[in-house]
Structure formats: C-alpha cells, structure tokens
N, C-alpha and C. Protein backbone atom coordinates (compact mmCIF):
# COMPACT_ATOMS: atom_id res chain seq x y z
N MET A 1 58.68 125.67 67.27
CA MET A 1 58.72 126.98 67.08
C MET A 1 57.34 127.60 66.92
N SER A 2 57.01 128.70 67.61
CA SER A 2 55.65 129.28 67.54
C SER A 2 55.60 130.05 66.30
N THR A 3 54.33 130.47 65.89
CA THR A 3 54.23 131.26 64.57
C THR A 3 54.60 132.72 64.91
N ASN A 4 54.75 133.30 66.03
CA ASN A 4 55.03 134.53 66.28
C ASN A 4 56.55 134.82 66.51
N GLU A 5 57.33 133.69 66.56
CA GLU A 5 58.76 133.72 66.70
C GLU A 5 59.57 134.21 65.46
N GLU A 6 60.16 135.13 65.50
CA GLU A 6 61.08 135.65 64.26
C GLU A 6 62.31 134.81 64.18
N VAL A 7 62.65 134.41 63.01
CA VAL A 7 63.89 133.78 62.90
C VAL A 7 64.77 134.65 61.83
N VAL A 8 65.99 134.94 62.34
CA VAL A 8 66.87 135.76 61.43
C VAL A 8 68.21 134.94 61.06
N CYS A 9 68.55 134.84 59.84
CA CYS A 9 69.66 133.97 59.55
C CYS A 9 70.94 134.81 60.16
N PRO A 10 71.81 133.91 60.85
CA PRO A 10 72.96 134.68 61.49
C PRO A 10 73.96 135.00 60.46
N TRP A 11 74.05 134.55 59.31
CA TRP A 11 74.91 134.75 58.24
C TRP A 11 74.60 136.01 57.52
N CYS A 12 73.38 136.07 56.78
CA CYS A 12 73.12 136.96 55.89
C CYS A 12 72.07 138.15 56.51
N GLN A 13 71.73 137.85 57.80
CA GLN A 13 70.74 138.76 58.57
C GLN A 13 69.50 138.82 57.87
N THR A 14 69.04 137.88 57.14
CA THR A 14 67.59 137.99 56.49
C THR A 14 66.72 137.32 57.28
N GLU A 15 65.40 138.06 57.36
CA GLU A 15 64.31 137.29 58.24
C GLU A 15 63.84 136.24 57.39
N ILE A 16 63.63 135.03 58.27
CA ILE A 16 63.10 134.01 57.39
C ILE A 16 61.65 133.77 57.83
N VAL A 17 60.82 133.87 56.68
CA VAL A 17 59.30 133.75 56.91
C VAL A 17 58.98 132.35 56.35
N TRP A 18 58.38 131.56 57.23
CA TRP A 18 57.99 130.22 56.82
C TRP A 18 56.37 129.97 56.86
N ASP A 19 56.12 129.01 56.09
CA ASP A 19 54.61 128.73 56.03
C ASP A 19 54.31 127.80 57.14
N PRO A 20 53.16 128.26 57.90
CA PRO A 20 52.80 127.47 59.14
C PRO A 20 52.56 125.91 58.79
N GLU A 21 52.02 125.70 57.47
CA GLU A 21 51.61 124.45 57.01
C GLU A 21 52.87 123.50 56.71
N ILE A 22 53.86 123.98 56.29
CA ILE A 22 55.08 123.21 55.95
C ILE A 22 55.95 123.11 57.19
N GLY A 23 55.97 124.30 58.01
CA GLY A 23 56.87 124.22 59.16
C GLY A 23 58.18 125.06 59.04
N PRO A 24 58.90 125.26 59.97
CA PRO A 24 60.13 126.08 59.97
C PRO A 24 61.16 125.51 58.94
N GLU A 25 61.91 126.39 58.44
CA GLU A 25 63.10 126.18 57.54
C GLU A 25 64.15 125.46 58.23
N ASP A 26 64.84 124.57 57.60
CA ASP A 26 66.09 124.00 58.18
C ASP A 26 67.29 124.66 57.74
N GLU A 27 67.08 125.39 56.61
CA GLU A 27 68.33 126.23 56.11
C GLU A 27 67.79 127.48 55.52
N CYS A 28 68.62 128.54 55.55
CA CYS A 28 68.19 129.82 55.02
C CYS A 28 68.08 129.72 53.45
N PRO A 29 66.82 130.07 52.90
CA PRO A 29 66.71 130.07 51.49
C PRO A 29 67.60 131.06 50.71
N HIS A 30 68.20 131.98 51.34
CA HIS A 30 69.08 133.09 50.79
C HIS A 30 70.44 132.56 50.62
N CYS A 31 71.02 132.11 51.79
CA CYS A 31 72.48 131.86 51.72
C CYS A 31 72.78 130.30 52.13
N PHE A 32 71.73 129.66 52.33
CA PHE A 32 71.83 128.05 52.54
C PHE A 32 72.46 127.84 53.82
N ASN A 33 72.53 128.64 54.75
CA ASN A 33 73.13 128.48 56.11
C ASN A 33 72.19 127.47 56.97
N GLU A 34 72.74 126.62 57.62
CA GLU A 34 71.90 125.99 58.55
C GLU A 34 71.10 126.71 59.74
N LEU A 35 69.95 126.55 59.91
CA LEU A 35 69.38 127.31 60.86
C LEU A 35 68.98 126.67 62.29
N ASN A 36 69.48 125.42 62.36
CA ASN A 36 69.16 124.72 63.62
C ASN A 36 70.28 125.29 64.66
N ASP A 37 70.40 124.54 65.75
CA ASP A 37 71.27 125.04 66.84
C ASP A 37 72.70 125.09 66.57
N TYR A 38 73.14 124.44 65.37
CA TYR A 38 74.49 124.43 65.06
C TYR A 38 74.82 125.84 64.52
N ARG A 39 75.81 126.44 64.95
CA ARG A 39 76.33 127.78 64.64
C ARG A 39 75.21 128.89 64.78
N SER A 40 74.38 128.71 65.68
CA SER A 40 73.27 129.77 65.84
C SER A 40 73.20 129.96 67.22
N ILE A 41 72.75 131.33 67.68
CA ILE A 41 72.35 131.68 68.92
C ILE A 41 71.02 132.21 69.03
N LYS A 42 70.48 132.00 70.22
CA LYS A 42 69.11 132.60 70.32
C LYS A 42 69.11 133.64 71.56
N LEU A 43 68.57 134.83 71.14
CA LEU A 43 68.53 135.98 71.99
C LEU A 43 67.04 136.21 72.36
N THR A 44 66.85 136.52 73.63
CA THR A 44 65.53 137.09 74.00
C THR A 44 65.63 138.49 74.20
N VAL A 45 64.85 139.18 73.71
CA VAL A 45 64.74 140.68 73.67
C VAL A 45 63.85 141.26 74.89
N LYS A 46 64.37 141.89 75.72
CA LYS A 46 63.53 142.44 76.84
C LYS A 46 62.78 143.54 76.41
N GLN A 47 61.27 143.57 76.49
CA GLN A 47 60.59 144.58 76.07
C GLN A 47 60.66 145.83 77.16
N THR A 48 60.59 147.04 76.69
CA THR A 48 60.65 148.23 77.47
C THR A 48 59.72 148.25 78.69
N GLY A 49 60.14 148.35 79.89
CA GLY A 49 59.35 148.29 81.09
C GLY A 49 59.45 147.02 81.82
N GLN A 50 60.02 145.92 81.09
CA GLN A 50 59.91 144.67 81.74
C GLN A 50 61.17 144.52 82.61
N PRO A 51 61.09 143.83 83.78
CA PRO A 51 62.30 143.58 84.59
C PRO A 51 63.16 142.52 83.98
N LEU A 52 64.39 142.65 84.22
CA LEU A 52 65.39 141.47 83.77
C LEU A 52 65.21 140.35 84.67
N ARG A 53 65.18 139.06 84.02
CA ARG A 53 65.12 137.94 84.73
C ARG A 53 66.49 137.18 84.53
N PHE A 54 66.94 136.61 85.49
CA PHE A 54 68.23 135.87 85.46
C PHE A 54 67.89 134.39 85.78
N GLN A 55 68.68 133.59 85.06
CA GLN A 55 68.48 132.13 85.37
C GLN A 55 69.56 131.71 86.42
N GLU A 56 69.08 130.76 87.26
CA GLU A 56 70.06 130.32 88.31
C GLU A 56 71.14 129.44 87.66
N ASN A 57 72.34 129.52 88.06
CA ASN A 57 73.37 128.71 87.54
C ASN A 57 73.19 127.41 88.06
N GLU A 58 73.28 126.28 87.03
CA GLU A 58 73.13 125.02 87.47
C GLU A 58 74.39 124.53 88.08
N GLN A 59 74.15 123.65 89.23
CA GLN A 59 75.38 123.21 89.82
C GLN A 59 75.84 121.98 88.97
N THR A 60 77.22 121.79 88.83
CA THR A 60 77.75 120.73 88.08
C THR A 60 77.76 119.42 88.91
N GLU A 61 77.51 118.50 88.19
CA GLU A 61 77.46 117.05 88.90
C GLU A 61 78.93 116.61 89.27
N PRO A 62 79.04 116.09 90.45
CA PRO A 62 80.48 115.71 90.73
C PRO A 62 81.07 114.65 89.90
N ASP A 63 80.25 113.77 89.12
CA ASP A 63 80.79 112.81 88.28
C ASP A 63 81.09 113.27 86.81
N GLU A 64 80.76 114.51 86.51
CA GLU A 64 81.05 115.05 85.19
C GLU A 64 82.58 115.19 84.91
N ASP A 65 82.77 114.83 83.65
CA ASP A 65 84.12 114.80 83.27
C ASP A 65 84.65 116.10 83.12
N LEU A 66 85.49 116.68 84.03
CA LEU A 66 85.88 118.08 83.98
C LEU A 66 87.12 118.23 83.01
N SER A 67 87.61 117.30 82.56
CA SER A 67 88.82 117.24 81.51
C SER A 67 88.41 117.68 80.15
N LEU A 68 87.15 117.94 79.87
CA LEU A 68 86.74 118.13 78.61
C LEU A 68 87.20 119.57 78.22
N ALA A 69 87.40 119.72 76.79
CA ALA A 69 87.77 121.08 76.40
C ALA A 69 86.49 121.93 76.36
N TRP A 70 86.56 123.27 76.49
CA TRP A 70 85.46 124.12 76.56
C TRP A 70 85.72 125.15 75.59
N ASP A 71 84.55 125.58 74.74
CA ASP A 71 84.69 126.70 73.75
C ASP A 71 84.22 127.96 74.53
N ASP A 72 84.20 129.07 73.69
CA ASP A 72 83.72 130.29 74.29
C ASP A 72 82.45 130.37 74.83
N SER A 73 81.51 129.54 74.38
CA SER A 73 80.10 129.54 74.89
C SER A 73 79.88 128.65 75.99
N ASP A 74 80.95 128.05 76.63
CA ASP A 74 80.80 127.27 77.78
C ASP A 74 80.17 125.92 77.51
N GLU A 75 80.15 125.52 76.32
CA GLU A 75 79.68 124.14 75.93
C GLU A 75 80.86 123.21 75.65
N PRO A 76 80.86 121.99 76.15
CA PRO A 76 81.96 121.02 75.94
C PRO A 76 82.14 120.85 74.34
N LEU A 77 83.18 120.72 73.81
CA LEU A 77 83.57 120.47 72.41
C LEU A 77 83.54 118.99 72.29
N ASP A 78 83.05 118.38 71.21
CA ASP A 78 83.17 116.99 71.00
C ASP A 78 84.48 116.62 70.45
N SER A 79 84.84 115.36 70.52
CA SER A 79 86.18 115.00 70.11
C SER A 79 86.65 115.41 68.75
N TYR A 80 85.58 115.43 67.75
CA TYR A 80 85.88 115.89 66.39
C TYR A 80 86.30 117.41 66.45
N GLY A 81 85.47 118.21 67.20
CA GLY A 81 85.73 119.57 67.23
C GLY A 81 87.10 119.97 67.90
N GLU A 82 87.40 119.08 68.99
CA GLU A 82 88.64 119.19 69.70
C GLU A 82 89.83 119.06 68.73
N ALA A 83 89.75 117.96 67.96
CA ALA A 83 90.86 117.51 67.00
C ALA A 83 90.90 118.57 65.94
N ILE A 84 89.72 119.05 65.44
CA ILE A 84 89.84 120.24 64.40
C ILE A 84 90.45 121.39 65.04
N GLN A 85 90.34 121.82 66.18
CA GLN A 85 90.92 122.93 66.84
C GLN A 85 92.44 122.84 66.91
N ARG A 86 92.86 121.45 67.45
CA ARG A 86 94.25 121.20 67.58
C ARG A 86 95.02 121.34 66.21
N ILE A 87 94.40 120.63 65.12
CA ILE A 87 94.96 120.78 63.82
C ILE A 87 95.09 122.10 63.39
N SER A 88 94.08 123.01 63.58
CA SER A 88 94.09 124.38 63.04
C SER A 88 95.05 125.21 63.75
N ASP A 89 95.30 124.84 64.89
CA ASP A 89 96.23 125.64 65.86
C ASP A 89 97.78 125.33 65.37
N GLU A 90 98.00 124.22 64.83
CA GLU A 90 99.27 123.83 64.21
C GLU A 90 99.69 124.42 62.96
N GLN A 91 98.69 125.01 62.25
CA GLN A 91 98.97 125.52 60.91
C GLN A 91 99.37 126.90 60.89
N GLU A 92 100.19 127.24 59.87
CA GLU A 92 100.76 128.68 59.81
C GLU A 92 99.72 129.56 59.33
N GLU A 93 98.97 129.02 58.33
CA GLU A 93 97.90 129.76 57.60
C GLU A 93 96.67 128.89 57.75
N ALA A 94 95.52 129.64 57.88
CA ALA A 94 94.29 128.88 57.89
C ALA A 94 93.20 129.77 57.31
N PRO A 95 93.12 129.70 55.97
CA PRO A 95 92.10 130.53 55.28
C PRO A 95 90.70 130.11 55.62
N GLU A 96 89.75 130.97 55.33
CA GLU A 96 88.44 130.67 55.58
C GLU A 96 87.79 130.02 54.46
N CYS A 97 86.83 129.20 54.64
CA CYS A 97 86.04 128.47 53.65
C CYS A 97 85.17 129.43 52.90
N SER A 98 85.09 129.49 51.65
CA SER A 98 84.37 130.51 50.75
C SER A 98 82.91 130.05 50.99
N GLY A 99 82.59 128.80 51.30
CA GLY A 99 81.15 128.36 51.49
C GLY A 99 80.62 128.75 52.75
N CYS A 100 81.24 128.36 53.94
CA CYS A 100 80.69 128.48 55.13
C CYS A 100 81.46 129.23 56.17
N HIS A 101 82.49 129.83 55.89
CA HIS A 101 83.37 130.68 56.48
C HIS A 101 84.24 130.07 57.73
N GLU A 102 84.15 128.62 57.77
CA GLU A 102 85.00 128.02 58.87
C GLU A 102 86.53 128.02 58.26
N PHE A 103 87.39 127.87 59.32
CA PHE A 103 88.71 127.85 58.99
C PHE A 103 89.09 126.51 58.27
N LEU A 104 89.80 126.57 57.20
CA LEU A 104 90.19 125.31 56.37
C LEU A 104 91.27 124.59 56.97
N LEU A 105 91.39 123.37 56.72
CA LEU A 105 92.51 122.54 57.28
C LEU A 105 93.45 122.10 56.13
N LEU A 106 94.63 122.30 56.32
CA LEU A 106 95.74 121.84 55.27
C LEU A 106 95.58 120.39 55.14
N ALA A 107 95.22 119.95 53.97
CA ALA A 107 95.24 118.43 53.75
C ALA A 107 96.50 117.95 53.10
N GLY A 108 97.23 118.76 52.32
CA GLY A 108 98.44 118.27 51.78
C GLY A 108 98.82 119.17 50.79
N LYS A 109 99.75 118.70 49.65
CA LYS A 109 100.11 119.44 48.68
C LYS A 109 99.92 118.84 47.31
N GLU A 110 99.71 119.41 46.28
CA GLU A 110 99.48 118.71 45.02
C GLU A 110 100.40 119.33 44.16
N VAL A 111 101.18 118.64 43.29
CA VAL A 111 102.04 119.15 42.32
C VAL A 111 101.44 118.80 40.84
N ILE A 112 101.39 119.86 40.10
CA ILE A 112 100.89 119.82 38.79
C ILE A 112 102.03 119.80 37.83
N SER A 113 102.20 118.63 37.09
CA SER A 113 103.48 118.45 36.29
C SER A 113 103.27 119.20 34.77
N GLN A 114 104.27 119.10 34.09
CA GLN A 114 104.36 119.90 32.96
C GLN A 114 103.34 119.22 31.87
N GLY A 115 102.96 117.96 31.94
CA GLY A 115 102.15 117.28 30.97
C GLY A 115 100.64 117.50 31.31
N SER A 116 100.33 117.94 32.47
CA SER A 116 99.07 118.03 32.80
C SER A 116 98.54 119.56 32.88
N PHE A 117 99.49 120.53 32.74
CA PHE A 117 99.18 121.86 32.87
C PHE A 117 99.57 122.58 31.45
N THR A 118 98.60 123.31 31.02
CA THR A 118 98.93 124.22 29.76
C THR A 118 98.64 125.53 30.22
N PRO A 119 99.77 126.25 30.19
CA PRO A 119 99.68 127.71 30.68
C PRO A 119 98.98 128.60 29.65
N HIS A 120 98.34 129.51 30.11
CA HIS A 120 97.73 130.54 29.32
C HIS A 120 98.63 131.69 29.20
N ILE A 121 98.85 132.23 27.87
CA ILE A 121 99.82 133.26 27.57
C ILE A 121 99.04 134.61 27.29
N PRO A 122 98.88 135.56 28.27
CA PRO A 122 98.18 136.77 28.01
C PRO A 122 98.97 137.53 26.89
N LYS A 123 98.30 138.18 26.09
CA LYS A 123 99.02 139.12 24.96
C LYS A 123 99.73 140.16 25.66
N THR A 124 99.18 140.69 26.75
CA THR A 124 99.87 141.78 27.47
C THR A 124 101.35 141.37 27.96
N LEU A 125 101.48 140.17 28.40
CA LEU A 125 102.76 139.76 28.78
C LEU A 125 103.70 139.15 27.76
N GLY A 126 102.98 138.22 26.92
CA GLY A 126 103.78 137.65 25.86
C GLY A 126 104.31 136.31 26.37
N ASN A 127 104.28 136.08 27.75
CA ASN A 127 104.83 134.86 28.32
C ASN A 127 103.72 134.44 29.30
N ALA A 128 103.81 133.05 29.71
CA ALA A 128 103.05 132.65 30.71
C ALA A 128 103.46 133.20 32.11
N PHE A 129 102.43 133.55 32.95
CA PHE A 129 102.82 133.87 34.37
C PHE A 129 103.01 132.75 35.29
N LEU A 130 102.46 131.71 34.89
CA LEU A 130 102.46 130.49 35.82
C LEU A 130 102.78 129.37 34.88
N THR A 131 103.94 128.65 35.15
CA THR A 131 104.39 127.37 34.46
C THR A 131 104.51 126.26 35.36
N ALA A 132 104.37 125.19 34.79
CA ALA A 132 104.51 123.87 35.33
C ALA A 132 106.09 123.53 35.72
N PRO A 133 106.43 122.94 36.78
CA PRO A 133 105.52 122.41 37.75
C PRO A 133 105.04 123.46 38.69
N VAL A 134 103.83 123.32 39.25
CA VAL A 134 103.14 124.21 40.11
C VAL A 134 102.78 123.39 41.31
N THR A 135 103.06 123.95 42.52
CA THR A 135 102.66 123.26 43.84
C THR A 135 101.48 124.02 44.45
N LEU A 136 100.51 123.24 44.77
CA LEU A 136 99.13 123.83 45.33
C LEU A 136 98.89 123.29 46.75
N HIS A 137 98.67 124.20 47.64
CA HIS A 137 98.30 123.67 48.91
C HIS A 137 96.79 123.36 48.80
N VAL A 138 96.49 122.17 49.34
CA VAL A 138 95.05 121.63 49.11
C VAL A 138 94.40 121.67 50.68
N TYR A 139 93.37 122.56 50.71
CA TYR A 139 92.68 122.75 52.01
C TYR A 139 91.32 122.03 51.94
N VAL A 140 90.76 121.54 53.14
CA VAL A 140 89.49 120.99 53.25
C VAL A 140 88.72 121.63 54.41
N CYS A 141 87.48 121.93 54.17
CA CYS A 141 86.76 122.44 55.29
C CYS A 141 86.16 121.48 56.09
N PRO A 142 86.44 121.51 57.47
CA PRO A 142 85.92 120.58 58.37
C PRO A 142 84.41 120.53 58.47
N SER A 143 83.71 121.43 58.09
CA SER A 143 82.32 121.66 58.36
C SER A 143 81.51 121.28 57.09
N CYS A 144 81.85 121.76 55.86
CA CYS A 144 81.05 121.59 54.66
C CYS A 144 81.82 120.68 53.73
N PHE A 145 83.11 120.38 54.15
CA PHE A 145 83.90 119.40 53.30
C PHE A 145 84.19 120.01 51.90
N LYS A 146 84.30 121.34 51.67
CA LYS A 146 84.61 121.76 50.42
C LYS A 146 86.17 121.84 50.38
N VAL A 147 86.66 121.52 49.24
CA VAL A 147 88.09 121.55 48.83
C VAL A 147 88.54 122.85 48.18
N GLU A 148 89.55 123.44 48.56
CA GLU A 148 90.04 124.61 48.02
C GLU A 148 91.52 124.47 47.77
N LYS A 149 92.13 124.97 46.70
CA LYS A 149 93.41 124.98 46.35
C LYS A 149 94.13 126.34 46.33
N VAL A 150 95.28 126.54 46.87
CA VAL A 150 95.94 127.72 46.89
C VAL A 150 97.42 127.62 46.42
N LEU A 151 98.06 128.53 45.63
CA LEU A 151 99.40 128.44 45.19
C LEU A 151 100.28 128.35 46.35
N SER A 152 101.34 127.77 46.36
CA SER A 152 102.30 127.69 47.39
C SER A 152 103.06 129.07 47.38
N ASP A 153 103.67 129.34 48.39
CA ASP A 153 104.53 130.60 48.56
C ASP A 153 105.53 130.77 47.57
N THR A 154 106.17 129.87 47.24
CA THR A 154 107.19 130.03 46.19
C THR A 154 106.52 130.26 44.89
N ASP A 155 105.56 129.51 44.41
CA ASP A 155 104.83 129.84 43.07
C ASP A 155 104.12 131.02 43.12
N ARG A 156 103.63 131.70 44.30
CA ARG A 156 102.98 133.05 44.31
C ARG A 156 104.13 134.03 43.89
N LEU A 157 105.20 133.89 44.60
CA LEU A 157 106.38 134.89 44.49
C LEU A 157 106.74 134.89 42.99
N LEU A 158 106.98 133.51 42.39
CA LEU A 158 107.29 133.58 40.88
C LEU A 158 106.41 134.31 40.01
N MET A 159 105.08 133.93 40.33
CA MET A 159 103.98 134.70 39.49
C MET A 159 104.01 136.10 39.60
N VAL A 160 104.25 136.64 40.88
CA VAL A 160 104.24 138.20 40.92
C VAL A 160 105.43 138.74 40.24
N GLU A 161 106.58 137.93 40.39
CA GLU A 161 107.82 138.50 39.74
C GLU A 161 107.64 138.50 38.17
N ARG A 162 107.10 137.38 37.70
CA ARG A 162 106.92 137.32 36.22
C ARG A 162 105.87 138.37 35.64
N ILE A 163 104.85 138.79 36.35
CA ILE A 163 103.97 139.86 36.03
C ILE A 163 104.59 141.07 36.16
N LYS A 164 105.44 141.29 37.21
CA LYS A 164 105.99 142.62 37.49
C LYS A 164 107.13 142.93 36.41
N ASP A 165 107.83 142.00 35.86
CA ASP A 165 108.96 142.20 35.01
C ASP A 165 108.48 142.51 33.67
N LYS A 166 107.16 142.38 33.28
CA LYS A 166 106.81 142.60 31.86
C LYS A 166 106.22 143.94 31.95
C-alpha cells in the first residue's frame, strides 16, 4: 500500500490513517472489521477529465473446473463457503450476527430446565414472564464463530401472552 492511498473501513465508513513506520492496519481500530481482501472491495475513482479505461476480459482456461459455485462478484466460492450457503438456504430464519453481520447458522436447541433457571419476577407483573422449561435456538456465526441464543417461537408467544395479560 502506498502512503497516498486512502483506506476507508467498509463497515463503519471511517478513514483509516496509519503510521508509515508501522505499516497498514489489518483491522479497523474503530469497529475491528478486517481490512484485507476478505469482505472488502477496492474502487478506483476517475479524476475529472480523465478518460475511462477498461480492462480486457481474461479468457477462461479450458481445464478450469466450470462446476464451481460462483457468488455475485464472479469469484468462485470455496467448499466451506458453498456449504455455509447451502445450510443457510435450508433455514427458515437466519438472523444476523451482532458482531460481524454475517448470517447465523442454526446449530441446535438448548432446553433450560427448572433447576438451572431462576426466573425474575418484576414488581409490575407480580409473576415471572419466562418460566422453565425454556427452549432456546442456538446460532453460530460461520465467520467470527460468535454464539447467540434466541427464544423458541413457542416461548416467545408465551412470554408475550404473560406480559399482555398483566
């Protein structure tokens, strides 16, 4: 990277200024997004008065494997990425990771039993709005491997009903 090249984080849109002695940053110091080619695009801005230059399309080699899956950027997906895409397509619900905003994969269910869950009783309600057993959907991020848990549909409805009835 040259010293006159500007780097802008694609997630938080913050300009990254780095020390020439240390070198370029590997991740954004503001949101900790990776700044290498993964999840990043590079744009060349045409200055006013400059003619547009187009790159010639490269011819594909006849021995290339044309059965590879392709994403929207015309780059072949690796086998991990292909499998993640297939798993995600099977899911009814795919929430976003709160850390890196990738779609989460449903890893399974966790049931919290009576002995391991102590409900909080708000003074406003007089009763607990969530009681054991509780079923949680466990999601894992395929990029940053963060684990997130969400109440099952049945427990969501029960919680809403318990809060509405008071």
